[in-house]
Amino acid sequence: MFAVLNSFVGKVVVQIINPIILLLAAGAFVLFIWGVFEFIMNAGNEKERETGKQAILWGIIGLVIIFGAYGIINLALGTFNLAPINRITQ
């Protein structure tokens, strides 16, 4: 029974959770880069620079939360002796 559960959880993580985490990380990274771009391009306009600073801040917060969730998922899977998050080659 645990082998079936382990296989199911492994497939769910690889086929659903990992792509979602990757998509969210890419979005947070794009937000961070956009904030840097706004910050540099609007060097003379303090209001627009503040918008860039906020985008940078939220991009970093998003990345920290996403990679923290990834670590927590790995920790939980390891605690319950389930397979860690990695690719299943079947």
PDB file of N, CA and C in Angstrom:
ATOM      1  N   MET A   1       0.815  -1.186   0.000  1.00  0.00           N
ATOM      2  CA  MET A   1       0.000   0.000   0.000  1.00  0.00           C
ATOM      3  C   MET A   1       0.865   1.260   0.000  1.00  0.00           C
ATOM      4  N   PHE A   2       1.950   1.253   0.783  1.00  0.00           N
ATOM      5  CA  PHE A   2       2.811   2.429   0.824  1.00  0.00           C
ATOM      6  C   PHE A   2       3.556   2.621  -0.482  1.00  0.00           C
ATOM      7  N   ALA A   3       3.833   1.556  -1.202  1.00  0.00           N
ATOM      8  CA  ALA A   3       4.511   1.680  -2.491  1.00  0.00           C
ATOM      9  C   ALA A   3       3.601   2.397  -3.491  1.00  0.00           C
ATOM     10  N   VAL A   4       2.321   2.074  -3.448  1.00  0.00           N
ATOM     11  CA  VAL A   4       1.361   2.723  -4.341  1.00  0.00           C
ATOM     12  C   VAL A   4       1.230   4.202  -3.976  1.00  0.00           C
ATOM     13  N   LEU A   5       1.137   4.492  -2.684  1.00  0.00           N
ATOM     14  CA  LEU A   5       1.047   5.876  -2.224  1.00  0.00           C
ATOM     15  C   LEU A   5       2.303   6.654  -2.597  1.00  0.00           C
ATOM     16  N   ASN A   6       3.450   6.038  -2.394  1.00  0.00           N
ATOM     17  CA  ASN A   6       4.721   6.682  -2.730  1.00  0.00           C
ATOM     18  C   ASN A   6       4.793   6.980  -4.223  1.00  0.00           C
ATOM     19  N   SER A   7       4.377   6.035  -5.039  1.00  0.00           N
ATOM     20  CA  SER A   7       4.382   6.232  -6.490  1.00  0.00           C
ATOM     21  C   SER A   7       3.411   7.342  -6.893  1.00  0.00           C
ATOM     22  N   PHE A   8       2.210   7.338  -6.297  1.00  0.00           N
ATOM     23  CA  PHE A   8       1.208   8.352  -6.616  1.00  0.00           C
ATOM     24  C   PHE A   8       1.690   9.746  -6.227  1.00  0.00           C
ATOM     25  N   VAL A   9       2.204   9.881  -5.005  1.00  0.00           N
ATOM     26  CA  VAL A   9       2.685  11.185  -4.548  1.00  0.00           C
ATOM     27  C   VAL A   9       3.853  11.647  -5.409  1.00  0.00           C
ATOM     28  N   GLY A  10       4.746  10.732  -5.763  1.00  0.00           N
ATOM     29  CA  GLY A  10       5.874  11.085  -6.619  1.00  0.00           C
ATOM     30  C   GLY A  10       5.421  11.600  -7.969  1.00  0.00           C
ATOM     31  N   LYS A  11       4.429  10.945  -8.553  1.00  0.00           N
ATOM     32  CA  LYS A  11       3.924  11.392  -9.853  1.00  0.00           C
ATOM     33  C   LYS A  11       3.190  12.722  -9.762  1.00  0.00           C
ATOM     34  N   VAL A  12       2.414  12.918  -8.690  1.00  0.00           N
ATOM     35  CA  VAL A  12       1.716  14.192  -8.501  1.00  0.00           C
ATOM     36  C   VAL A  12       2.726  15.320  -8.365  1.00  0.00           C
ATOM     37  N   VAL A  13       3.760  15.085  -7.576  1.00  0.00           N
ATOM     38  CA  VAL A  13       4.768  16.119  -7.366  1.00  0.00           C
ATOM     39  C   VAL A  13       5.486  16.441  -8.665  1.00  0.00           C
ATOM     40  N   VAL A  14       5.882  15.421  -9.395  1.00  0.00           N
ATOM     41  CA  VAL A  14       6.655  15.638 -10.625  1.00  0.00           C
ATOM     42  C   VAL A  14       5.801  16.248 -11.726  1.00  0.00           C
ATOM     43  N   GLN A  15       4.566  15.806 -11.866  1.00  0.00           N
ATOM     44  CA  GLN A  15       3.762  16.249 -13.001  1.00  0.00           C
ATOM     45  C   GLN A  15       2.876  17.464 -12.716  1.00  0.00           C
ATOM     46  N   ILE A  16       2.621  17.768 -11.441  1.00  0.00           N
ATOM     47  CA  ILE A  16       1.753  18.899 -11.131  1.00  0.00           C
ATOM     48  C   ILE A  16       2.480  19.960 -10.315  1.00  0.00           C
ATOM     49  N   ILE A  17       3.046  19.573  -9.194  1.00  0.00           N
ATOM     50  CA  ILE A  17       3.648  20.542  -8.276  1.00  0.00           C
ATOM     51  C   ILE A  17       4.894  21.185  -8.878  1.00  0.00           C
ATOM     52  N   ASN A  18       5.803  20.387  -9.420  1.00  0.00           N
ATOM     53  CA  ASN A  18       7.040  20.951  -9.982  1.00  0.00           C
ATOM     54  C   ASN A  18       6.775  21.967 -11.093  1.00  0.00           C
ATOM     55  N   PRO A  19       5.897  21.683 -12.063  1.00  0.00           N
ATOM     56  CA  PRO A  19       5.632  22.705 -13.082  1.00  0.00           C
ATOM     57  C   PRO A  19       5.007  23.975 -12.513  1.00  0.00           C
ATOM     58  N   ILE A  20       4.146  23.833 -11.505  1.00  0.00           N
ATOM     59  CA  ILE A  20       3.551  25.018 -10.889  1.00  0.00           C
ATOM     60  C   ILE A  20       4.620  25.850 -10.196  1.00  0.00           C
ATOM     61  N   ILE A  21       5.507  25.181  -9.457  1.00  0.00           N
ATOM     62  CA  ILE A  21       6.590  25.891  -8.776  1.00  0.00           C
ATOM     63  C   ILE A  21       7.492  26.574  -9.792  1.00  0.00           C
ATOM     64  N   LEU A  22       7.810  25.889 -10.865  1.00  0.00           N
ATOM     65  CA  LEU A  22       8.654  26.468 -11.906  1.00  0.00           C
ATOM     66  C   LEU A  22       7.987  27.687 -12.549  1.00  0.00           C
ATOM     67  N   LEU A  23       6.702  27.593 -12.827  1.00  0.00           N
ATOM     68  CA  LEU A  23       5.970  28.710 -13.428  1.00  0.00           C
ATOM     69  C   LEU A  23       5.923  29.915 -12.485  1.00  0.00           C
ATOM     70  N   LEU A  24       5.654  29.672 -11.214  1.00  0.00           N
ATOM     71  CA  LEU A  24       5.614  30.768 -10.244  1.00  0.00           C
ATOM     72  C   LEU A  24       6.993  31.390 -10.053  1.00  0.00           C
ATOM     73  N   ALA A  25       8.041  30.561 -10.030  1.00  0.00           N
ATOM     74  CA  ALA A  25       9.400  31.090  -9.894  1.00  0.00           C
ATOM     75  C   ALA A  25       9.763  31.942 -11.105  1.00  0.00           C
ATOM     76  N   ALA A  26       9.380  31.496 -12.286  1.00  0.00           N
ATOM     77  CA  ALA A  26       9.654  32.279 -13.495  1.00  0.00           C
ATOM     78  C   ALA A  26       8.910  33.608 -13.446  1.00  0.00           C
ATOM     79  N   GLY A  27       7.672  33.595 -12.988  1.00  0.00           N
ATOM     80  CA  GLY A  27       6.906  34.836 -12.870  1.00  0.00           C
ATOM     81  C   GLY A  27       7.521  35.803 -11.871  1.00  0.00           C
ATOM     82  N   ALA A  28       7.967  35.288 -10.732  1.00  0.00           N
ATOM     83  CA  ALA A  28       8.605  36.147  -9.729  1.00  0.00           C
ATOM     84  C   ALA A  28       9.922  36.704 -10.253  1.00  0.00           C
ATOM     85  N   PHE A  29      10.657  35.901 -11.002  1.00  0.00           N
ATOM     86  CA  PHE A  29      11.919  36.367 -11.569  1.00  0.00           C
ATOM     87  C   PHE A  29      11.672  37.456 -12.613  1.00  0.00           C
ATOM     88  N   VAL A  30      10.660  37.275 -13.444  1.00  0.00           N
ATOM     89  CA  VAL A  30      10.317  38.294 -14.452  1.00  0.00           C
ATOM     90  C   VAL A  30       9.888  39.585 -13.756  1.00  0.00           C
ATOM     91  N   LEU A  31       9.114  39.473 -12.679  1.00  0.00           N
ATOM     92  CA  LEU A  31       8.720  40.656 -11.911  1.00  0.00           C
ATOM     93  C   LEU A  31       9.945  41.370 -11.342  1.00  0.00           C
ATOM     94  N   PHE A  32      10.892  40.612 -10.819  1.00  0.00           N
ATOM     95  CA  PHE A  32      12.124  41.190 -10.286  1.00  0.00           C
ATOM     96  C   PHE A  32      12.900  41.922 -11.383  1.00  0.00           C
ATOM     97  N   ILE A  33      13.073  41.277 -12.537  1.00  0.00           N
ATOM     98  CA  ILE A  33      13.809  41.889 -13.652  1.00  0.00           C
ATOM     99  C   ILE A  33      13.082  43.142 -14.136  1.00  0.00           C
ATOM    100  N   TRP A  34      11.749  43.090 -14.206  1.00  0.00           N
ATOM    101  CA  TRP A  34      10.975  44.255 -14.625  1.00  0.00           C
ATOM    102  C   TRP A  34      11.173  45.407 -13.645  1.00  0.00           C
ATOM    103  N   GLY A  35      11.218  45.110 -12.361  1.00  0.00           N
ATOM    104  CA  GLY A  35      11.455  46.134 -11.361  1.00  0.00           C
ATOM    105  C   GLY A  35      12.822  46.767 -11.510  1.00  0.00           C
ATOM    106  N   VAL A  36      13.840  45.953 -11.785  1.00  0.00           N
ATOM    107  CA  VAL A  36      15.190  46.490 -12.016  1.00  0.00           C
ATOM    108  C   VAL A  36      15.186  47.383 -13.245  1.00  0.00           C
ATOM    109  N   PHE A  37      14.511  46.940 -14.302  1.00  0.00           N
ATOM    110  CA  PHE A  37      14.408  47.723 -15.529  1.00  0.00           C
ATOM    111  C   PHE A  37      13.731  49.067 -15.263  1.00  0.00           C
ATOM    112  N   GLU A  38      12.603  49.049 -14.554  1.00  0.00           N
ATOM    113  CA  GLU A  38      11.908  50.296 -14.229  1.00  0.00           C
ATOM    114  C   GLU A  38      12.767  51.204 -13.361  1.00  0.00           C
ATOM    115  N   PHE A  39      13.456  50.628 -12.398  1.00  0.00           N
ATOM    116  CA  PHE A  39      14.290  51.407 -11.490  1.00  0.00           C
ATOM    117  C   PHE A  39      15.400  52.126 -12.244  1.00  0.00           C
ATOM    118  N   ILE A  40      16.029  51.434 -13.190  1.00  0.00           N
ATOM    119  CA  ILE A  40      17.142  52.020 -13.942  1.00  0.00           C
ATOM    120  C   ILE A  40      16.640  53.009 -14.992  1.00  0.00           C
ATOM    121  N   MET A  41      15.585  52.650 -15.697  1.00  0.00           N
ATOM    122  CA  MET A  41      15.106  53.508 -16.780  1.00  0.00           C
ATOM    123  C   MET A  41      14.474  54.808 -16.270  1.00  0.00           C
ATOM    124  N   ASN A  42      13.963  54.818 -15.061  1.00  0.00           N
ATOM    125  CA  ASN A  42      13.309  56.006 -14.514  1.00  0.00           C
ATOM    126  C   ASN A  42      14.147  56.627 -13.412  1.00  0.00           C
ATOM    127  N   ALA A  43      15.427  56.800 -13.682  1.00  0.00           N
ATOM    128  CA  ALA A  43      16.344  57.316 -12.663  1.00  0.00           C
ATOM    129  C   ALA A  43      15.989  58.738 -12.239  1.00  0.00           C
ATOM    130  N   GLY A  44      15.383  59.514 -13.108  1.00  0.00           N
ATOM    131  CA  GLY A  44      15.069  60.902 -12.787  1.00  0.00           C
ATOM    132  C   GLY A  44      13.711  61.105 -12.141  1.00  0.00           C
ATOM    133  N   ASN A  45      12.858  60.112 -12.178  1.00  0.00           N
ATOM    134  CA  ASN A  45      11.492  60.230 -11.674  1.00  0.00           C
ATOM    135  C   ASN A  45      11.356  59.387 -10.402  1.00  0.00           C
ATOM    136  N   GLU A  46      11.276  60.050  -9.264  1.00  0.00           N
ATOM    137  CA  GLU A  46      11.247  59.343  -7.977  1.00  0.00           C
ATOM    138  C   GLU A  46      10.009  58.458  -7.822  1.00  0.00           C
ATOM    139  N   LYS A  47       8.855  58.898  -8.348  1.00  0.00           N
ATOM    140  CA  LYS A  47       7.642  58.083  -8.230  1.00  0.00           C
ATOM    141  C   LYS A  47       7.781  56.781  -9.010  1.00  0.00           C
ATOM    142  N   GLU A  48       8.304  56.848 -10.215  1.00  0.00           N
ATOM    143  CA  GLU A  48       8.495  55.634 -11.018  1.00  0.00           C
ATOM    144  C   GLU A  48       9.590  54.741 -10.432  1.00  0.00           C
ATOM    145  N   ARG A  49      10.617  55.345  -9.839  1.00  0.00           N
ATOM    146  CA  ARG A  49      11.655  54.548  -9.176  1.00  0.00           C
ATOM    147  C   ARG A  49      11.069  53.787  -8.000  1.00  0.00           C
ATOM    148  N   GLU A  50      10.138  54.418  -7.286  1.00  0.00           N
ATOM    149  CA  GLU A  50       9.493  53.737  -6.158  1.00  0.00           C
ATOM    150  C   GLU A  50       8.682  52.533  -6.647  1.00  0.00           C
ATOM    151  N   THR A  51       8.042  52.676  -7.804  1.00  0.00           N
ATOM    152  CA  THR A  51       7.313  51.553  -8.407  1.00  0.00           C
ATOM    153  C   THR A  51       8.279  50.418  -8.727  1.00  0.00           C
ATOM    154  N   GLY A  52       9.437  50.754  -9.266  1.00  0.00           N
ATOM    155  CA  GLY A  52      10.459  49.741  -9.554  1.00  0.00           C
ATOM    156  C   GLY A  52      10.957  49.070  -8.290  1.00  0.00           C
ATOM    157  N   LYS A  53      11.152  49.851  -7.237  1.00  0.00           N
ATOM    158  CA  LYS A  53      11.593  49.275  -5.957  1.00  0.00           C
ATOM    159  C   LYS A  53      10.567  48.280  -5.417  1.00  0.00           C
ATOM    160  N   GLN A  54       9.291  48.642  -5.535  1.00  0.00           N
ATOM    161  CA  GLN A  54       8.238  47.740  -5.061  1.00  0.00           C
ATOM    162  C   GLN A  54       8.216  46.440  -5.864  1.00  0.00           C
ATOM    163  N   ALA A  55       8.408  46.535  -7.176  1.00  0.00           N
ATOM    164  CA  ALA A  55       8.430  45.336  -8.011  1.00  0.00           C
ATOM    165  C   ALA A  55       9.626  44.457  -7.651  1.00  0.00           C
ATOM    166  N   ILE A  56      10.772  45.065  -7.405  1.00  0.00           N
ATOM    167  CA  ILE A  56      11.958  44.306  -6.988  1.00  0.00           C
ATOM    168  C   ILE A  56      11.682  43.595  -5.669  1.00  0.00           C
ATOM    169  N   LEU A  57      11.126  44.329  -4.714  1.00  0.00           N
ATOM    170  CA  LEU A  57      10.832  43.755  -3.400  1.00  0.00           C
ATOM    171  C   LEU A  57       9.871  42.574  -3.507  1.00  0.00           C
ATOM    172  N   TRP A  58       8.779  42.752  -4.249  1.00  0.00           N
ATOM    173  CA  TRP A  58       7.802  41.677  -4.366  1.00  0.00           C
ATOM    174  C   TRP A  58       8.338  40.497  -5.166  1.00  0.00           C
ATOM    175  N   GLY A  59       9.203  40.757  -6.126  1.00  0.00           N
ATOM    176  CA  GLY A  59       9.838  39.659  -6.856  1.00  0.00           C
ATOM    177  C   GLY A  59      10.713  38.826  -5.949  1.00  0.00           C
ATOM    178  N   ILE A  60      11.493  39.490  -5.089  1.00  0.00           N
ATOM    179  CA  ILE A  60      12.354  38.765  -4.151  1.00  0.00           C
ATOM    180  C   ILE A  60      11.518  38.009  -3.130  1.00  0.00           C
ATOM    181  N   ILE A  61      10.475  38.643  -2.605  1.00  0.00           N
ATOM    182  CA  ILE A  61       9.596  37.964  -1.643  1.00  0.00           C
ATOM    183  C   ILE A  61       8.967  36.732  -2.289  1.00  0.00           C
ATOM    184  N   GLY A  62       8.512  36.864  -3.527  1.00  0.00           N
ATOM    185  CA  GLY A  62       7.927  35.729  -4.239  1.00  0.00           C
ATOM    186  C   GLY A  62       8.907  34.588  -4.408  1.00  0.00           C
ATOM    187  N   LEU A  63      10.142  34.912  -4.784  1.00  0.00           N
ATOM    188  CA  LEU A  63      11.155  33.863  -4.951  1.00  0.00           C
ATOM    189  C   LEU A  63      11.458  33.161  -3.631  1.00  0.00           C
ATOM    190  N   VAL A  64      11.548  33.927  -2.557  1.00  0.00           N
ATOM    191  CA  VAL A  64      11.814  33.322  -1.243  1.00  0.00           C
ATOM    192  C   VAL A  64      10.668  32.394  -0.840  1.00  0.00           C
ATOM    193  N   ILE A  65       9.444  32.830  -1.038  1.00  0.00           N
ATOM    194  CA  ILE A  65       8.291  31.993  -0.684  1.00  0.00           C
ATOM    195  C   ILE A  65       8.253  30.732  -1.541  1.00  0.00           C
ATOM    196  N   ILE A  66       8.487  30.871  -2.827  1.00  0.00           N
ATOM    197  CA  ILE A  66       8.418  29.720  -3.732  1.00  0.00           C
ATOM    198  C   ILE A  66       9.490  28.694  -3.395  1.00  0.00           C
ATOM    199  N   PHE A  67      10.736  29.140  -3.219  1.00  0.00           N
ATOM    200  CA  PHE A  67      11.787  28.184  -2.913  1.00  0.00           C
ATOM    201  C   PHE A  67      11.660  27.656  -1.492  1.00  0.00           C
ATOM    202  N   GLY A  68      11.067  28.440  -0.592  1.00  0.00           N
ATOM    203  CA  GLY A  68      10.767  27.933   0.742  1.00  0.00           C
ATOM    204  C   GLY A  68       9.733  26.821   0.683  1.00  0.00           C
ATOM    205  N   ALA A  69       8.708  27.005  -0.138  1.00  0.00           N
ATOM    206  CA  ALA A  69       7.688  25.966  -0.307  1.00  0.00           C
ATOM    207  C   ALA A  69       8.308  24.704  -0.892  1.00  0.00           C
ATOM    208  N   TYR A  70       9.207  24.872  -1.845  1.00  0.00           N
ATOM    209  CA  TYR A  70       9.895  23.724  -2.437  1.00  0.00           C
ATOM    210  C   TYR A  70      10.669  22.960  -1.364  1.00  0.00           C
ATOM    211  N   GLY A  71      11.361  23.693  -0.491  1.00  0.00           N
ATOM    212  CA  GLY A  71      12.113  23.060   0.589  1.00  0.00           C
ATOM    213  C   GLY A  71      11.208  22.382   1.599  1.00  0.00           C
ATOM    214  N   ILE A  72      10.085  23.015   1.929  1.00  0.00           N
ATOM    215  CA  ILE A  72       9.145  22.422   2.877  1.00  0.00           C
ATOM    216  C   ILE A  72       8.540  21.138   2.311  1.00  0.00           C
ATOM    217  N   ILE A  73       8.227  21.140   1.020  1.00  0.00           N
ATOM    218  CA  ILE A  73       7.692  19.928   0.387  1.00  0.00           C
ATOM    219  C   ILE A  73       8.723  18.807   0.456  1.00  0.00           C
ATOM    220  N   ASN A  74       9.985  19.116   0.143  1.00  0.00           N
ATOM    221  CA  ASN A  74      11.033  18.099   0.234  1.00  0.00           C
ATOM    222  C   ASN A  74      11.202  17.602   1.661  1.00  0.00           C
ATOM    223  N   LEU A  75      11.144  18.499   2.628  1.00  0.00           N
ATOM    224  CA  LEU A  75      11.269  18.115   4.035  1.00  0.00           C
ATOM    225  C   LEU A  75      10.121  17.205   4.456  1.00  0.00           C
ATOM    226  N   ALA A  76       8.906  17.558   4.065  1.00  0.00           N
ATOM    227  CA  ALA A  76       7.745  16.738   4.416  1.00  0.00           C
ATOM    228  C   ALA A  76       7.828  15.364   3.761  1.00  0.00           C
ATOM    229  N   LEU A  77       8.222  15.319   2.507  1.00  0.00           N
ATOM    230  CA  LEU A  77       8.347  14.030   1.832  1.00  0.00           C
ATOM    231  C   LEU A  77       9.431  13.179   2.482  1.00  0.00           C
ATOM    232  N   GLY A  78      10.533  13.803   2.889  1.00  0.00           N
ATOM    233  CA  GLY A  78      11.601  13.065   3.554  1.00  0.00           C
ATOM    234  C   GLY A  78      11.189  12.587   4.934  1.00  0.00           C
ATOM    235  N   THR A  79      10.391  13.377   5.632  1.00  0.00           N
ATOM    236  CA  THR A  79       9.934  13.004   6.972  1.00  0.00           C
ATOM    237  C   THR A  79       9.045  11.768   6.927  1.00  0.00           C
ATOM    238  N   PHE A  80       8.202  11.676   5.924  1.00  0.00           N
ATOM    239  CA  PHE A  80       7.288  10.549   5.812  1.00  0.00           C
ATOM    240  C   PHE A  80       7.845   9.432   4.937  1.00  0.00           C
ATOM    241  N   ASN A  81       9.153   9.464   4.702  1.00  0.00           N
ATOM    242  CA  ASN A  81       9.854   8.444   3.913  1.00  0.00           C
ATOM    243  C   ASN A  81       9.266   8.255   2.528  1.00  0.00           C
ATOM    244  N   LEU A  82       8.828   9.335   1.942  1.00  0.00           N
ATOM    245  CA  LEU A  82       8.356   9.323   0.565  1.00  0.00           C
ATOM    246  C   LEU A  82       9.492   9.800  -0.324  1.00  0.00           C
ATOM    247  N   ALA A  83       9.362   9.621  -1.607  1.00  0.00           N
ATOM    248  CA  ALA A  83      10.429   9.995  -2.532  1.00  0.00           C
ATOM    249  C   ALA A  83      10.613  11.511  -2.534  1.00  0.00           C
ATOM    250  N   PRO A  84      11.858  11.985  -2.551  1.00  0.00           N
ATOM    251  CA  PRO A  84      12.075  13.432  -2.672  1.00  0.00           C
ATOM    252  C   PRO A  84      11.663  13.917  -4.058  1.00  0.00           C
ATOM    253  N   ILE A  85      11.558  15.222  -4.199  1.00  0.00           N
ATOM    254  CA  ILE A  85      11.141  15.782  -5.475  1.00  0.00           C
ATOM    255  C   ILE A  85      12.279  15.626  -6.481  1.00  0.00           C
ATOM    256  N   ASN A  86      12.070  14.777  -7.450  1.00  0.00           N
ATOM    257  CA  ASN A  86      13.000  14.636  -8.566  1.00  0.00           C
ATOM    258  C   ASN A  86      12.243  14.032  -9.729  1.00  0.00           C
ATOM    259  N   ARG A  87      12.892  13.977 -10.853  1.00  0.00           N
ATOM    260  CA  ARG A  87      12.207  13.488 -12.060  1.00  0.00           C
ATOM    261  C   ARG A  87      12.003  11.986 -12.011  1.00  0.00           C
ATOM    262  N   ILE A  88      10.832  11.568 -12.433  1.00  0.00           N
ATOM    263  CA  ILE A  88      10.549  10.144 -12.598  1.00  0.00           C
ATOM    264  C   ILE A  88      10.704   9.853 -14.082  1.00  0.00           C
ATOM    265  N   THR A  89      11.558   8.921 -14.419  1.00  0.00           N
ATOM    266  CA  THR A  89      11.832   8.619 -15.829  1.00  0.00           C
ATOM    267  C   THR A  89      11.130   7.334 -16.216  1.00  0.00           C
ATOM    268  N   GLN A  90       9.815   7.429 -16.409  1.00  0.00           N
ATOM    269  CA  GLN A  90       9.038   6.259 -16.811  1.00  0.00           C
ATOM    270  C   GLN A  90       8.263   6.570 -18.047  1.00  0.00           C
TER     271      GLN A  90
END
